[in-house]
Amino acid sequence: MIAVASTLIVACGGSGSSTEADNSTVSENKAASDNFAAGKELIVKSDCLGCHKEQEKLVGPAYVDVAKKYAATADNVTLLAGKIIAGGKGVWGEIPMTPHPQIAEADAETMVKYILSLK
């Protein structure tokens, strides 16, 4: 009888770990949401929108096209943050991207994480 009751409690989620997992997921979602908002805000405060739009090509590629081309990996975040800071040419055509050496690496990475989330 005790074995049956224990089995039912565990099977029905009575262990309490579900709440911990739910809280962890909520925390992760909040952190992702905060990073999303921070990345978007950094872009709005910079000169990025003079050449890029979220949904359509302007001078440079649309952010959604960048997100389609690059997986959201740590290596790609580092690569693209470097391109924001140092500038670039040739990946999206012959018009070069102006370097932005004044943008801190951490801020550039936050911007890239936002862009790569736009899939």
C-alpha atoms as a PDB file:
ATOM      1  CA  MET A   1       0.000   0.000   0.000  1.00  0.00           C
ATOM      2  CA  ILE A   2       2.788   2.446   0.901  1.00  0.00           C
ATOM      3  CA  ALA A   3       4.629   1.540  -2.301  1.00  0.00           C
ATOM      4  CA  VAL A   4       1.493   2.279  -4.341  1.00  0.00           C
ATOM      5  CA  ALA A   5       0.973   5.630  -2.594  1.00  0.00           C
ATOM      6  CA  SER A   6       4.634   6.581  -3.127  1.00  0.00           C
ATOM      7  CA  THR A   7       4.388   5.674  -6.794  1.00  0.00           C
ATOM      8  CA  LEU A   8       1.261   7.809  -7.207  1.00  0.00           C
ATOM      9  CA  ILE A   9       2.839  10.790  -5.464  1.00  0.00           C
ATOM     10  CA  VAL A  10       5.955  10.651  -7.623  1.00  0.00           C
ATOM     11  CA  ALA A  11       3.967   9.999 -10.808  1.00  0.00           C
ATOM     12  CA  CYS A  12       1.699  12.971 -10.130  1.00  0.00           C
ATOM     13  CA  GLY A  13       4.569  15.367  -9.565  1.00  0.00           C
ATOM     14  CA  GLY A  14       4.476  15.301  -5.778  1.00  0.00           C
ATOM     15  CA  SER A  15       8.257  15.437  -5.438  1.00  0.00           C
ATOM     16  CA  GLY A  16       8.409  19.252  -5.535  1.00  0.00           C
ATOM     17  CA  SER A  17      11.089  19.322  -8.233  1.00  0.00           C
ATOM     18  CA  SER A  18       8.531  20.472 -10.794  1.00  0.00           C
ATOM     19  CA  THR A  19       8.157  23.784  -8.967  1.00  0.00           C
ATOM     20  CA  GLU A  20      11.919  24.228  -8.910  1.00  0.00           C
ATOM     21  CA  ALA A  21      12.084  23.480 -12.640  1.00  0.00           C
ATOM     22  CA  ASP A  22       9.214  25.910 -13.295  1.00  0.00           C
ATOM     23  CA  ASN A  23      10.988  28.630 -11.297  1.00  0.00           C
ATOM     24  CA  SER A  24      14.213  27.983 -13.199  1.00  0.00           C
ATOM     25  CA  THR A  25      12.399  28.270 -16.527  1.00  0.00           C
ATOM     26  CA  VAL A  26      10.732  31.506 -15.427  1.00  0.00           C
ATOM     27  CA  SER A  27      14.122  32.936 -14.409  1.00  0.00           C
ATOM     28  CA  GLU A  28      15.695  31.905 -17.721  1.00  0.00           C
ATOM     29  CA  ASN A  29      12.792  33.414 -19.668  1.00  0.00           C
ATOM     30  CA  LYS A  30      13.073  36.690 -17.721  1.00  0.00           C
ATOM     31  CA  ALA A  31      16.832  36.842 -18.349  1.00  0.00           C
ATOM     32  CA  ALA A  32      16.281  36.203 -22.067  1.00  0.00           C
ATOM     33  CA  SER A  33      13.581  38.881 -22.151  1.00  0.00           C
ATOM     34  CA  ASP A  34      15.860  41.369 -20.360  1.00  0.00           C
ATOM     35  CA  ASN A  35      18.706  40.616 -22.812  1.00  0.00           C
ATOM     36  CA  PHE A  36      16.306  41.011 -25.744  1.00  0.00           C
ATOM     37  CA  ALA A  37      15.168  44.424 -24.493  1.00  0.00           C
ATOM     38  CA  ALA A  38      18.734  45.525 -23.705  1.00  0.00           C
ATOM     39  CA  GLY A  39      19.964  44.529 -27.167  1.00  0.00           C
ATOM     40  CA  LYS A  40      17.146  46.348 -28.877  1.00  0.00           C
ATOM     41  CA  GLU A  41      17.725  49.453 -26.755  1.00  0.00           C
ATOM     42  CA  LEU A  42      21.455  49.482 -27.560  1.00  0.00           C
ATOM     43  CA  ILE A  43      20.658  49.313 -31.274  1.00  0.00           C
ATOM     44  CA  VAL A  44      18.123  52.144 -31.027  1.00  0.00           C
ATOM     45  CA  LYS A  45      20.670  54.328 -29.203  1.00  0.00           C
ATOM     46  CA  SER A  46      23.389  53.643 -31.797  1.00  0.00           C
ATOM     47  CA  ASP A  47      23.556  54.590 -35.472  1.00  0.00           C
ATOM     48  CA  CYS A  48      22.666  51.036 -36.623  1.00  0.00           C
ATOM     49  CA  LEU A  49      19.197  51.994 -37.800  1.00  0.00           C
ATOM     50  CA  GLY A  50      20.716  54.324 -40.388  1.00  0.00           C
ATOM     51  CA  CYS A  51      21.739  51.230 -42.385  1.00  0.00           C
ATOM     52  CA  HIS A  52      19.671  48.342 -41.009  1.00  0.00           C
ATOM     53  CA  LYS A  53      16.010  47.599 -40.401  1.00  0.00           C
ATOM     54  CA  GLU A  54      14.557  44.643 -38.581  1.00  0.00           C
ATOM     55  CA  GLN A  55      12.440  43.212 -41.408  1.00  0.00           C
ATOM     56  CA  GLU A  56      13.830  44.648 -44.651  1.00  0.00           C
ATOM     57  CA  LYS A  57      17.149  45.446 -46.312  1.00  0.00           C
ATOM     58  CA  LEU A  58      18.179  49.076 -46.210  1.00  0.00           C
ATOM     59  CA  VAL A  59      21.879  49.736 -46.905  1.00  0.00           C
ATOM     60  CA  GLY A  60      22.860  46.635 -44.982  1.00  0.00           C
ATOM     61  CA  PRO A  61      20.960  43.409 -44.456  1.00  0.00           C
ATOM     62  CA  ALA A  62      17.755  43.167 -42.460  1.00  0.00           C
ATOM     63  CA  TYR A  63      18.298  41.811 -38.966  1.00  0.00           C
ATOM     64  CA  VAL A  64      15.991  38.881 -39.716  1.00  0.00           C
ATOM     65  CA  ASP A  65      18.217  37.940 -42.664  1.00  0.00           C
ATOM     66  CA  VAL A  66      21.277  37.994 -40.411  1.00  0.00           C
ATOM     67  CA  ALA A  67      19.405  35.748 -37.962  1.00  0.00           C
ATOM     68  CA  LYS A  68      18.567  33.338 -40.792  1.00  0.00           C
ATOM     69  CA  LYS A  69      22.181  33.188 -41.956  1.00  0.00           C
ATOM     70  CA  TYR A  70      23.847  32.734 -38.556  1.00  0.00           C
ATOM     71  CA  ALA A  71      22.892  30.251 -35.848  1.00  0.00           C
ATOM     72  CA  ALA A  72      22.704  31.699 -32.336  1.00  0.00           C
ATOM     73  CA  THR A  73      25.982  30.176 -31.134  1.00  0.00           C
ATOM     74  CA  ALA A  74      28.651  31.675 -28.880  1.00  0.00           C
ATOM     75  CA  ASP A  75      31.111  31.609 -31.794  1.00  0.00           C
ATOM     76  CA  ASN A  76      28.734  33.534 -34.049  1.00  0.00           C
ATOM     77  CA  VAL A  77      27.962  36.056 -31.307  1.00  0.00           C
ATOM     78  CA  THR A  78      31.705  36.699 -30.961  1.00  0.00           C
ATOM     79  CA  LEU A  79      32.203  36.839 -34.742  1.00  0.00           C
ATOM     80  CA  LEU A  80      29.363  39.266 -35.385  1.00  0.00           C
ATOM     81  CA  ALA A  81      30.181  41.452 -32.371  1.00  0.00           C
ATOM     82  CA  GLY A  82      33.667  41.751 -33.838  1.00  0.00           C
ATOM     83  CA  LYS A  83      32.186  42.847 -37.159  1.00  0.00           C
ATOM     84  CA  ILE A  84      30.105  45.518 -35.420  1.00  0.00           C
ATOM     85  CA  ILE A  85      33.220  46.878 -33.745  1.00  0.00           C
ATOM     86  CA  ALA A  86      35.734  46.472 -36.595  1.00  0.00           C
ATOM     87  CA  GLY A  87      33.393  46.852 -39.569  1.00  0.00           C
ATOM     88  CA  GLY A  88      33.241  44.490 -42.497  1.00  0.00           C
ATOM     89  CA  LYS A  89      32.813  44.043 -46.229  1.00  0.00           C
ATOM     90  CA  GLY A  90      31.918  41.337 -48.686  1.00  0.00           C
ATOM     91  CA  VAL A  91      29.552  39.060 -46.788  1.00  0.00           C
ATOM     92  CA  TRP A  92      26.402  40.955 -47.796  1.00  0.00           C
ATOM     93  CA  GLY A  93      27.709  42.781 -50.857  1.00  0.00           C
ATOM     94  CA  GLU A  94      30.309  45.377 -51.681  1.00  0.00           C
ATOM     95  CA  ILE A  95      29.061  48.191 -49.445  1.00  0.00           C
ATOM     96  CA  PRO A  96      31.240  48.097 -46.320  1.00  0.00           C
ATOM     97  CA  MET A  97      29.849  48.246 -42.809  1.00  0.00           C
ATOM     98  CA  THR A  98      31.276  51.181 -40.903  1.00  0.00           C
ATOM     99  CA  PRO A  99      33.359  50.214 -37.872  1.00  0.00           C
ATOM    100  CA  HIS A 100      32.023  51.126 -34.441  1.00  0.00           C
ATOM    101  CA  PRO A 101      35.099  51.041 -32.170  1.00  0.00           C
ATOM    102  CA  GLN A 102      33.258  53.070 -29.524  1.00  0.00           C
ATOM    103  CA  ILE A 103      30.869  50.160 -28.821  1.00  0.00           C
ATOM    104  CA  ALA A 104      32.038  47.960 -25.962  1.00  0.00           C
ATOM    105  CA  GLU A 105      32.425  44.274 -26.788  1.00  0.00           C
ATOM    106  CA  ALA A 106      29.814  43.278 -24.188  1.00  0.00           C
ATOM    107  CA  ASP A 107      27.317  45.736 -25.694  1.00  0.00           C
ATOM    108  CA  ALA A 108      28.028  44.480 -29.216  1.00  0.00           C
ATOM    109  CA  GLU A 109      27.434  40.908 -28.018  1.00  0.00           C
ATOM    110  CA  THR A 110      24.125  41.937 -26.432  1.00  0.00           C
ATOM    111  CA  MET A 111      23.105  43.569 -29.716  1.00  0.00           C
ATOM    112  CA  VAL A 112      24.016  40.424 -31.665  1.00  0.00           C
ATOM    113  CA  LYS A 113      22.059  38.192 -29.281  1.00  0.00           C
ATOM    114  CA  TYR A 114      19.016  40.356 -29.911  1.00  0.00           C
ATOM    115  CA  ILE A 115      19.520  40.208 -33.685  1.00  0.00           C
ATOM    116  CA  LEU A 116      20.008  36.422 -33.707  1.00  0.00           C
ATOM    117  CA  SER A 117      16.804  35.983 -31.691  1.00  0.00           C
ATOM    118  CA  LEU A 118      14.728  37.435 -34.548  1.00  0.00           C
ATOM    119  CA  LYS A 119      14.141  34.163 -36.355  1.00  0.00           C
END
